[in-house]
Amino acid sequence: ASTLLAQRSLHEHVTRVAEGLEQDGLDGGRAAVAMIVGRN
């Protein structure tokens, strides 16, 4: 059943967006957020 929950993976993906902005600025943030949202 745990394979159908996403606590850990959601935390990891959103953390990467913060890290992308902090480390690589706008380009890093855009690359990371593109993995979790459908917007352009």
PDB file of all heavy atoms in Angstrom:
ATOM      1  N   ALA A   1       0.820  -1.209   0.000  1.00  0.00           N
ATOM      2  CA  ALA A   1       0.000   0.000   0.000  1.00  0.00           C
ATOM      3  C   ALA A   1       0.855   1.262   0.000  1.00  0.00           C
ATOM      4  O   ALA A   1       0.476   2.285  -0.578  1.00  0.00           O
ATOM      5  CB  ALA A   1      -0.938  -0.002   1.203  1.00  0.00           C
ATOM      6  N   SER A   2       2.023   1.199   0.635  1.00  0.00           N
ATOM      7  CA  SER A   2       2.887   2.381   0.729  1.00  0.00           C
ATOM      8  C   SER A   2       3.363   2.856  -0.641  1.00  0.00           C
ATOM      9  O   SER A   2       3.711   4.025  -0.807  1.00  0.00           O
ATOM     10  CB  SER A   2       4.093   2.078   1.621  1.00  0.00           C
ATOM     11  OG  SER A   2       5.040   1.232   0.970  1.00  0.00           O
ATOM     12  N   THR A   3       3.369   1.962  -1.631  1.00  0.00           N
ATOM     13  CA  THR A   3       3.815   2.366  -2.968  1.00  0.00           C
ATOM     14  C   THR A   3       2.834   3.342  -3.615  1.00  0.00           C
ATOM     15  O   THR A   3       3.172   3.984  -4.617  1.00  0.00           O
ATOM     16  CB  THR A   3       3.986   1.141  -3.891  1.00  0.00           C
ATOM     17  OG1 THR A   3       2.709   0.518  -4.126  1.00  0.00           O
ATOM     18  CG2 THR A   3       4.924   0.121  -3.265  1.00  0.00           C
ATOM     19  N   LEU A   4       1.623   3.454  -3.064  1.00  0.00           N
ATOM     20  CA  LEU A   4       0.598   4.337  -3.623  1.00  0.00           C
ATOM     21  C   LEU A   4       0.464   5.628  -2.826  1.00  0.00           C
ATOM     22  O   LEU A   4      -0.491   6.388  -3.024  1.00  0.00           O
ATOM     23  CB  LEU A   4      -0.739   3.589  -3.693  1.00  0.00           C
ATOM     24  CG  LEU A   4      -0.706   2.325  -4.564  1.00  0.00           C
ATOM     25  CD1 LEU A   4      -2.037   1.590  -4.497  1.00  0.00           C
ATOM     26  CD2 LEU A   4      -0.366   2.667  -6.011  1.00  0.00           C
ATOM     27  N   LEU A   5       1.398   5.869  -1.908  1.00  0.00           N
ATOM     28  CA  LEU A   5       1.487   7.130  -1.169  1.00  0.00           C
ATOM     29  C   LEU A   5       2.739   7.868  -1.634  1.00  0.00           C
ATOM     30  O   LEU A   5       3.638   7.268  -2.228  1.00  0.00           O
ATOM     31  CB  LEU A   5       1.550   6.868   0.337  1.00  0.00           C
ATOM     32  CG  LEU A   5       0.316   6.195   0.948  1.00  0.00           C
ATOM     33  CD1 LEU A   5       0.645   5.630   2.335  1.00  0.00           C
ATOM     34  CD2 LEU A   5      -0.842   7.190   1.042  1.00  0.00           C
ATOM     35  N   ALA A   6       2.810   9.160  -1.343  1.00  0.00           N
ATOM     36  CA  ALA A   6       3.921   9.943  -1.924  1.00  0.00           C
ATOM     37  C   ALA A   6       4.479  10.989  -0.966  1.00  0.00           C
ATOM     38  O   ALA A   6       4.939  12.038  -1.409  1.00  0.00           O
ATOM     39  CB  ALA A   6       3.448  10.611  -3.206  1.00  0.00           C
ATOM     40  N   GLN A   7       4.477  10.711   0.341  1.00  0.00           N
ATOM     41  CA  GLN A   7       5.008  11.696   1.289  1.00  0.00           C
ATOM     42  C   GLN A   7       6.460  12.042   0.998  1.00  0.00           C
ATOM     43  O   GLN A   7       6.840  13.204   0.895  1.00  0.00           O
ATOM     44  CB  GLN A   7       4.933  11.147   2.719  1.00  0.00           C
ATOM     45  CG  GLN A   7       3.572  10.830   3.244  1.00  0.00           C
ATOM     46  CD  GLN A   7       3.658   9.999   4.507  1.00  0.00           C
ATOM     47  OE1 GLN A   7       3.436  10.495   5.602  1.00  0.00           O
ATOM     48  NE2 GLN A   7       3.987   8.730   4.358  1.00  0.00           N
ATOM     49  N   ARG A   8       7.280  11.016   0.876  1.00  0.00           N
ATOM     50  CA  ARG A   8       8.724  11.209   0.734  1.00  0.00           C
ATOM     51  C   ARG A   8       9.078  11.833  -0.615  1.00  0.00           C
ATOM     52  O   ARG A   8       9.854  12.794  -0.688  1.00  0.00           O
ATOM     53  CB  ARG A   8       9.433   9.866   0.902  1.00  0.00           C
ATOM     54  CG  ARG A   8      10.960   9.953   0.977  1.00  0.00           C
ATOM     55  CD  ARG A   8      11.570   8.561   1.050  1.00  0.00           C
ATOM     56  NE  ARG A   8      13.009   8.626   1.200  1.00  0.00           N
ATOM     57  CZ  ARG A   8      13.655   8.501   2.355  1.00  0.00           C
ATOM     58  NH1 ARG A   8      12.962   8.328   3.472  1.00  0.00           N
ATOM     59  NH2 ARG A   8      14.971   8.566   2.401  1.00  0.00           N
ATOM     60  N   SER A   9       8.508  11.296  -1.688  1.00  0.00           N
ATOM     61  CA  SER A   9       8.869  11.789  -3.013  1.00  0.00           C
ATOM     62  C   SER A   9       8.394  13.227  -3.213  1.00  0.00           C
ATOM     63  O   SER A   9       9.090  14.038  -3.847  1.00  0.00           O
ATOM     64  CB  SER A   9       8.297  10.883  -4.100  1.00  0.00           C
ATOM     65  OG  SER A   9       6.888  10.857  -4.067  1.00  0.00           O
ATOM     66  N   LEU A  10       7.224  13.582  -2.679  1.00  0.00           N
ATOM     67  CA  LEU A  10       6.747  14.955  -2.795  1.00  0.00           C
ATOM     68  C   LEU A  10       7.700  15.914  -2.087  1.00  0.00           C
ATOM     69  O   LEU A  10       8.061  16.962  -2.631  1.00  0.00           O
ATOM     70  CB  LEU A  10       5.339  15.073  -2.216  1.00  0.00           C
ATOM     71  CG  LEU A  10       4.730  16.475  -2.210  1.00  0.00           C
ATOM     72  CD1 LEU A  10       4.655  17.052  -3.621  1.00  0.00           C
ATOM     73  CD2 LEU A  10       3.335  16.452  -1.563  1.00  0.00           C
ATOM     74  N   HIS A  11       8.122  15.542  -0.894  1.00  0.00           N
ATOM     75  CA  HIS A  11       9.061  16.388  -0.143  1.00  0.00           C
ATOM     76  C   HIS A  11      10.360  16.550  -0.929  1.00  0.00           C
ATOM     77  O   HIS A  11      10.909  17.664  -1.032  1.00  0.00           O
ATOM     78  CB  HIS A  11       9.329  15.764   1.228  1.00  0.00           C
ATOM     79  CG  HIS A  11      10.063  16.662   2.168  1.00  0.00           C
ATOM     80  ND1 HIS A  11      11.429  16.859   2.106  1.00  0.00           N
ATOM     81  CD2 HIS A  11       9.620  17.432   3.202  1.00  0.00           C
ATOM     82  CE1 HIS A  11      11.802  17.698   3.063  1.00  0.00           C
ATOM     83  NE2 HIS A  11      10.722  18.074   3.730  1.00  0.00           N
ATOM     84  N   GLU A  12      10.852  15.475  -1.505  1.00  0.00           N
ATOM     85  CA  GLU A  12      12.118  15.535  -2.242  1.00  0.00           C
ATOM     86  C   GLU A  12      12.008  16.420  -3.477  1.00  0.00           C
ATOM     87  O   GLU A  12      12.901  17.228  -3.759  1.00  0.00           O
ATOM     88  CB  GLU A  12      12.548  14.116  -2.641  1.00  0.00           C
ATOM     89  CG  GLU A  12      12.990  13.259  -1.461  1.00  0.00           C
ATOM     90  CD  GLU A  12      13.246  11.808  -1.851  1.00  0.00           C
ATOM     91  OE1 GLU A  12      12.843  11.426  -2.985  1.00  0.00           O
ATOM     92  OE2 GLU A  12      13.822  11.059  -1.041  1.00  0.00           O
ATOM     93  N   HIS A  13      10.922  16.296  -4.230  1.00  0.00           N
ATOM     94  CA  HIS A  13      10.772  17.070  -5.453  1.00  0.00           C
ATOM     95  C   HIS A  13      10.632  18.564  -5.163  1.00  0.00           C
ATOM     96  O   HIS A  13      11.206  19.398  -5.880  1.00  0.00           O
ATOM     97  CB  HIS A  13       9.560  16.581  -6.244  1.00  0.00           C
ATOM     98  CG  HIS A  13       9.827  15.360  -7.070  1.00  0.00           C
ATOM     99  ND1 HIS A  13       9.536  14.093  -6.625  1.00  0.00           N
ATOM    100  CD2 HIS A  13      10.367  15.213  -8.297  1.00  0.00           C
ATOM    101  CE1 HIS A  13       9.886  13.217  -7.554  1.00  0.00           C
ATOM    102  NE2 HIS A  13      10.396  13.867  -8.578  1.00  0.00           N
ATOM    103  N   VAL A  14       9.869  18.903  -4.127  1.00  0.00           N
ATOM    104  CA  VAL A  14       9.687  20.322  -3.818  1.00  0.00           C
ATOM    105  C   VAL A  14      10.974  20.906  -3.235  1.00  0.00           C
ATOM    106  O   VAL A  14      11.331  22.051  -3.519  1.00  0.00           O
ATOM    107  CB  VAL A  14       8.485  20.506  -2.869  1.00  0.00           C
ATOM    108  CG1 VAL A  14       8.356  21.970  -2.442  1.00  0.00           C
ATOM    109  CG2 VAL A  14       7.205  20.045  -3.553  1.00  0.00           C
ATOM    110  N   THR A  15      11.687  20.105  -2.447  1.00  0.00           N
ATOM    111  CA  THR A  15      12.975  20.567  -1.922  1.00  0.00           C
ATOM    112  C   THR A  15      13.934  20.904  -3.052  1.00  0.00           C
ATOM    113  O   THR A  15      14.700  21.885  -2.967  1.00  0.00           O
ATOM    114  CB  THR A  15      13.594  19.496  -1.006  1.00  0.00           C
ATOM    115  OG1 THR A  15      12.719  19.261   0.102  1.00  0.00           O
ATOM    116  CG2 THR A  15      14.957  19.938  -0.483  1.00  0.00           C
ATOM    117  N   ARG A  16      13.904  20.132  -4.129  1.00  0.00           N
ATOM    118  CA  ARG A  16      14.800  20.403  -5.263  1.00  0.00           C
ATOM    119  C   ARG A  16      14.523  21.760  -5.903  1.00  0.00           C
ATOM    120  O   ARG A  16      15.434  22.391  -6.440  1.00  0.00           O
ATOM    121  CB  ARG A  16      14.670  19.289  -6.309  1.00  0.00           C
ATOM    122  CG  ARG A  16      15.257  17.957  -5.850  1.00  0.00           C
ATOM    123  CD  ARG A  16      15.330  16.950  -6.984  1.00  0.00           C
ATOM    124  NE  ARG A  16      15.633  15.633  -6.459  1.00  0.00           N
ATOM    125  CZ  ARG A  16      14.800  14.592  -6.475  1.00  0.00           C
ATOM    126  NH1 ARG A  16      13.603  14.728  -7.031  1.00  0.00           N
ATOM    127  NH2 ARG A  16      15.151  13.433  -5.959  1.00  0.00           N
ATOM    128  N   VAL A  17      13.286  22.216  -5.848  1.00  0.00           N
ATOM    129  CA  VAL A  17      12.979  23.537  -6.401  1.00  0.00           C
ATOM    130  C   VAL A  17      13.650  24.618  -5.558  1.00  0.00           C
ATOM    131  O   VAL A  17      14.259  25.554  -6.090  1.00  0.00           O
ATOM    132  CB  VAL A  17      11.461  23.769  -6.481  1.00  0.00           C
ATOM    133  CG1 VAL A  17      11.175  25.138  -7.100  1.00  0.00           C
ATOM    134  CG2 VAL A  17      10.784  22.674  -7.299  1.00  0.00           C
ATOM    135  N   ALA A  18      13.538  24.496  -4.228  1.00  0.00           N
ATOM    136  CA  ALA A  18      14.208  25.460  -3.349  1.00  0.00           C
ATOM    137  C   ALA A  18      15.711  25.438  -3.578  1.00  0.00           C
ATOM    138  O   ALA A  18      16.350  26.488  -3.689  1.00  0.00           O
ATOM    139  CB  ALA A  18      13.879  25.144  -1.887  1.00  0.00           C
ATOM    140  N   GLU A  19      16.272  24.244  -3.677  1.00  0.00           N
ATOM    141  CA  GLU A  19      17.715  24.122  -3.909  1.00  0.00           C
ATOM    142  C   GLU A  19      18.104  24.707  -5.267  1.00  0.00           C
ATOM    143  O   GLU A  19      19.154  25.354  -5.401  1.00  0.00           O
ATOM    144  CB  GLU A  19      18.133  22.659  -3.823  1.00  0.00           C
ATOM    145  CG  GLU A  19      18.021  22.069  -2.425  1.00  0.00           C
ATOM    146  CD  GLU A  19      18.258  20.566  -2.385  1.00  0.00           C
ATOM    147  OE1 GLU A  19      18.220  19.928  -3.471  1.00  0.00           O
ATOM    148  OE2 GLU A  19      18.456  20.032  -1.283  1.00  0.00           O
ATOM    149  N   GLY A  20      17.266  24.467  -6.280  1.00  0.00           N
ATOM    150  CA  GLY A  20      17.555  25.003  -7.602  1.00  0.00           C
ATOM    151  C   GLY A  20      17.606  26.524  -7.594  1.00  0.00           C
ATOM    152  O   GLY A  20      18.511  27.129  -8.185  1.00  0.00           O
ATOM    153  N   LEU A  21      16.649  27.155  -6.930  1.00  0.00           N
ATOM    154  CA  LEU A  21      16.646  28.612  -6.841  1.00  0.00           C
ATOM    155  C   LEU A  21      17.846  29.123  -6.054  1.00  0.00           C
ATOM    156  O   LEU A  21      18.471  30.119  -6.433  1.00  0.00           O
ATOM    157  CB  LEU A  21      15.350  29.093  -6.182  1.00  0.00           C
ATOM    158  CG  LEU A  21      14.070  29.003  -7.022  1.00  0.00           C
ATOM    159  CD1 LEU A  21      12.858  29.350  -6.166  1.00  0.00           C
ATOM    160  CD2 LEU A  21      14.140  29.934  -8.233  1.00  0.00           C
ATOM    161  N   GLU A  22      18.170  28.438  -4.958  1.00  0.00           N
ATOM    162  CA  GLU A  22      19.261  28.890  -4.105  1.00  0.00           C
ATOM    163  C   GLU A  22      20.628  28.718  -4.763  1.00  0.00           C
ATOM    164  O   GLU A  22      21.515  29.559  -4.603  1.00  0.00           O
ATOM    165  CB  GLU A  22      19.221  28.117  -2.774  1.00  0.00           C
ATOM    166  CG  GLU A  22      18.026  28.466  -1.910  1.00  0.00           C
ATOM    167  CD  GLU A  22      17.782  27.453  -0.797  1.00  0.00           C
ATOM    168  OE1 GLU A  22      18.353  26.342  -0.852  1.00  0.00           O
ATOM    169  OE2 GLU A  22      16.998  27.750   0.113  1.00  0.00           O
ATOM    170  N   GLN A  23      20.778  27.642  -5.516  1.00  0.00           N
ATOM    171  CA  GLN A  23      22.102  27.317  -6.056  1.00  0.00           C
ATOM    172  C   GLN A  23      22.311  27.806  -7.485  1.00  0.00           C
ATOM    173  O   GLN A  23      23.415  28.204  -7.856  1.00  0.00           O
ATOM    174  CB  GLN A  23      22.321  25.799  -5.988  1.00  0.00           C
ATOM    175  CG  GLN A  23      22.334  25.255  -4.570  1.00  0.00           C
ATOM    176  CD  GLN A  23      22.290  23.734  -4.512  1.00  0.00           C
ATOM    177  OE1 GLN A  23      22.488  23.060  -5.535  1.00  0.00           O
ATOM    178  NE2 GLN A  23      22.037  23.179  -3.343  1.00  0.00           N
ATOM    179  N   ASP A  24      21.241  27.767  -8.302  1.00  0.00           N
ATOM    180  CA  ASP A  24      21.400  28.086  -9.725  1.00  0.00           C
ATOM    181  C   ASP A  24      20.454  29.176 -10.210  1.00  0.00           C
ATOM    182  O   ASP A  24      20.315  29.373 -11.426  1.00  0.00           O
ATOM    183  CB  ASP A  24      21.194  26.818 -10.566  1.00  0.00           C
ATOM    184  CG  ASP A  24      22.188  25.722 -10.196  1.00  0.00           C
ATOM    185  OD1 ASP A  24      23.391  26.012 -10.198  1.00  0.00           O
ATOM    186  OD2 ASP A  24      21.750  24.598  -9.913  1.00  0.00           O
ATOM    187  N   GLY A  25      19.795  29.847  -9.289  1.00  0.00           N
ATOM    188  CA  GLY A  25      18.944  30.951  -9.674  1.00  0.00           C
ATOM    189  C   GLY A  25      17.702  30.525 -10.439  1.00  0.00           C
ATOM    190  O   GLY A  25      17.207  29.407 -10.293  1.00  0.00           O
ATOM    191  N   LEU A  26      17.218  31.433 -11.279  1.00  0.00           N
ATOM    192  CA  LEU A  26      15.965  31.198 -11.986  1.00  0.00           C
ATOM    193  C   LEU A  26      16.019  29.962 -12.875  1.00  0.00           C
ATOM    194  O   LEU A  26      15.061  29.177 -12.903  1.00  0.00           O
ATOM    195  CB  LEU A  26      15.616  32.430 -12.822  1.00  0.00           C
ATOM    196  CG  LEU A  26      14.316  32.361 -13.631  1.00  0.00           C
ATOM    197  CD1 LEU A  26      13.127  32.073 -12.735  1.00  0.00           C
ATOM    198  CD2 LEU A  26      14.117  33.652 -14.406  1.00  0.00           C
ATOM    199  N   ASP A  27      17.116  29.746 -13.606  1.00  0.00           N
ATOM    200  CA  ASP A  27      17.202  28.577 -14.487  1.00  0.00           C
ATOM    201  C   ASP A  27      17.107  27.282 -13.693  1.00  0.00           C
ATOM    202  O   ASP A  27      16.433  26.330 -14.109  1.00  0.00           O
ATOM    203  CB  ASP A  27      18.516  28.608 -15.277  1.00  0.00           C
ATOM    204  CG  ASP A  27      18.515  29.687 -16.356  1.00  0.00           C
ATOM    205  OD1 ASP A  27      17.420  30.160 -16.717  1.00  0.00           O
ATOM    206  OD2 ASP A  27      19.602  30.058 -16.823  1.00  0.00           O
ATOM    207  N   GLY A  28      17.788  27.229 -12.546  1.00  0.00           N
ATOM    208  CA  GLY A  28      17.724  26.029 -11.709  1.00  0.00           C
ATOM    209  C   GLY A  28      16.336  25.801 -11.157  1.00  0.00           C
ATOM    210  O   GLY A  28      15.850  24.660 -11.107  1.00  0.00           O
ATOM    211  N   GLY A  29      15.674  26.867 -10.736  1.00  0.00           N
ATOM    212  CA  GLY A  29      14.319  26.737 -10.220  1.00  0.00           C
ATOM    213  C   GLY A  29      13.346  26.284 -11.291  1.00  0.00           C
ATOM    214  O   GLY A  29      12.491  25.424 -11.051  1.00  0.00           O
ATOM    215  N   ARG A  30      13.468  26.872 -12.490  1.00  0.00           N
ATOM    216  CA  ARG A  30      12.573  26.473 -13.584  1.00  0.00           C
ATOM    217  C   ARG A  30      12.747  25.003 -13.945  1.00  0.00           C
ATOM    218  O   ARG A  30      11.759  24.284 -14.169  1.00  0.00           O
ATOM    219  CB  ARG A  30      12.848  27.336 -14.814  1.00  0.00           C
ATOM    220  CG  ARG A  30      12.268  28.739 -14.750  1.00  0.00           C
ATOM    221  CD  ARG A  30      12.703  29.559 -15.952  1.00  0.00           C
ATOM    222  NE  ARG A  30      12.001  30.825 -16.033  1.00  0.00           N
ATOM    223  CZ  ARG A  30      12.295  31.785 -16.917  1.00  0.00           C
ATOM    224  NH1 ARG A  30      13.287  31.598 -17.790  1.00  0.00           N
ATOM    225  NH2 ARG A  30      11.617  32.914 -16.938  1.00  0.00           N
ATOM    226  N   ALA A  31      13.991  24.536 -14.000  1.00  0.00           N
ATOM    227  CA  ALA A  31      14.243  23.136 -14.356  1.00  0.00           C
ATOM    228  C   ALA A  31      13.637  22.198 -13.319  1.00  0.00           C
ATOM    229  O   ALA A  31      13.063  21.161 -13.670  1.00  0.00           O
ATOM    230  CB  ALA A  31      15.750  22.896 -14.476  1.00  0.00           C
ATOM    231  N   ALA A  32      13.758  22.551 -12.037  1.00  0.00           N
ATOM    232  CA  ALA A  32      13.232  21.681 -10.985  1.00  0.00           C
ATOM    233  C   ALA A  32      11.714  21.719 -10.927  1.00  0.00           C
ATOM    234  O   ALA A  32      11.060  20.683 -10.752  1.00  0.00           O
ATOM    235  CB  ALA A  32      13.831  22.086  -9.638  1.00  0.00           C
ATOM    236  N   VAL A  33      11.120  22.906 -11.082  1.00  0.00           N
ATOM    237  CA  VAL A  33       9.667  23.006 -10.949  1.00  0.00           C
ATOM    238  C   VAL A  33       8.963  22.376 -12.146  1.00  0.00           C
ATOM    239  O   VAL A  33       7.814  21.915 -12.033  1.00  0.00           O
ATOM    240  CB  VAL A  33       9.234  24.476 -10.757  1.00  0.00           C
ATOM    241  CG1 VAL A  33       9.103  25.228 -12.088  1.00  0.00           C
ATOM    242  CG2 VAL A  33       7.931  24.564  -9.972  1.00  0.00           C
ATOM    243  N   ALA A  34       9.649  22.311 -13.301  1.00  0.00           N
ATOM    244  CA  ALA A  34       9.053  21.676 -14.480  1.00  0.00           C
ATOM    245  C   ALA A  34       8.768  20.201 -14.251  1.00  0.00           C
ATOM    246  O   ALA A  34       7.940  19.606 -14.955  1.00  0.00           O
ATOM    247  CB  ALA A  34       9.978  21.841 -15.684  1.00  0.00           C
ATOM    248  N   MET A  35       9.427  19.599 -13.259  1.00  0.00           N
ATOM    249  CA  MET A  35       9.225  18.179 -12.957  1.00  0.00           C
ATOM    250  C   MET A  35       7.950  17.924 -12.168  1.00  0.00           C
ATOM    251  O   MET A  35       7.500  16.781 -12.084  1.00  0.00           O
ATOM    252  CB  MET A  35      10.421  17.635 -12.165  1.00  0.00           C
ATOM    253  CG  MET A  35      11.766  17.831 -12.853  1.00  0.00           C
ATOM    254  SD  MET A  35      11.858  17.004 -14.455  1.00  0.00           S
ATOM    255  CE  MET A  35      11.753  15.285 -13.938  1.00  0.00           C
ATOM    256  N   ILE A  36       7.347  18.975 -11.595  1.00  0.00           N
ATOM    257  CA  ILE A  36       6.200  18.743 -10.706  1.00  0.00           C
ATOM    258  C   ILE A  36       4.963  19.550 -11.067  1.00  0.00           C
ATOM    259  O   ILE A  36       3.915  19.360 -10.439  1.00  0.00           O
ATOM    260  CB  ILE A  36       6.568  19.011  -9.222  1.00  0.00           C
ATOM    261  CG1 ILE A  36       7.057  20.451  -9.032  1.00  0.00           C
ATOM    262  CG2 ILE A  36       7.596  18.013  -8.732  1.00  0.00           C
ATOM    263  CD1 ILE A  36       7.254  20.822  -7.565  1.00  0.00           C
ATOM    264  N   VAL A  37       5.040  20.459 -12.052  1.00  0.00           N
ATOM    265  CA  VAL A  37       3.855  21.232 -12.420  1.00  0.00           C
ATOM    266  C   VAL A  37       3.635  21.163 -13.917  1.00  0.00           C
ATOM    267  O   VAL A  37       4.559  20.900 -14.691  1.00  0.00           O
ATOM    268  CB  VAL A  37       3.975  22.715 -11.979  1.00  0.00           C
ATOM    269  CG1 VAL A  37       4.147  22.820 -10.472  1.00  0.00           C
ATOM    270  CG2 VAL A  37       5.119  23.418 -12.695  1.00  0.00           C
ATOM    271  N   GLY A  38       2.397  21.417 -14.327  1.00  0.00           N
ATOM    272  CA  GLY A  38       2.070  21.366 -15.743  1.00  0.00           C
ATOM    273  C   GLY A  38       2.192  22.703 -16.438  1.00  0.00           C
ATOM    274  O   GLY A  38       2.116  22.763 -17.658  1.00  0.00           O
ATOM    275  N   ARG A  39       2.371  23.778 -15.679  1.00  0.00           N
ATOM    276  CA  ARG A  39       2.430  25.094 -16.310  1.00  0.00           C
ATOM    277  C   ARG A  39       3.752  25.300 -17.031  1.00  0.00           C
ATOM    278  O   ARG A  39       4.725  24.605 -16.777  1.00  0.00           O
ATOM    279  CB  ARG A  39       2.192  26.194 -15.271  1.00  0.00           C
ATOM    280  CG  ARG A  39       3.287  26.349 -14.255  1.00  0.00           C
ATOM    281  CD  ARG A  39       2.831  27.183 -13.070  1.00  0.00           C
ATOM    282  NE  ARG A  39       1.772  26.506 -12.353  1.00  0.00           N
ATOM    283  CZ  ARG A  39       1.196  26.999 -11.257  1.00  0.00           C
ATOM    284  NH1 ARG A  39       1.560  28.175 -10.785  1.00  0.00           N
ATOM    285  NH2 ARG A  39       0.249  26.332 -10.636  1.00  0.00           N
ATOM    286  N   ASN A  40       3.777  26.267 -17.919  1.00  0.00           N
ATOM    287  CA  ASN A  40       4.959  26.548 -18.718  1.00  0.00           C
ATOM    288  C   ASN A  40       6.009  27.243 -17.864  1.00  0.00           C
ATOM    289  O   ASN A  40       5.822  28.397 -17.462  1.00  0.00           O
ATOM    290  CB  ASN A  40       4.561  27.437 -19.902  1.00  0.00           C
ATOM    291  CG  ASN A  40       5.690  27.664 -20.879  1.00  0.00           C
ATOM    292  OD1 ASN A  40       6.854  27.386 -20.578  1.00  0.00           O
ATOM    293  ND2 ASN A  40       5.359  28.176 -22.047  1.00  0.00           N
TER     294      ASN A  40
END
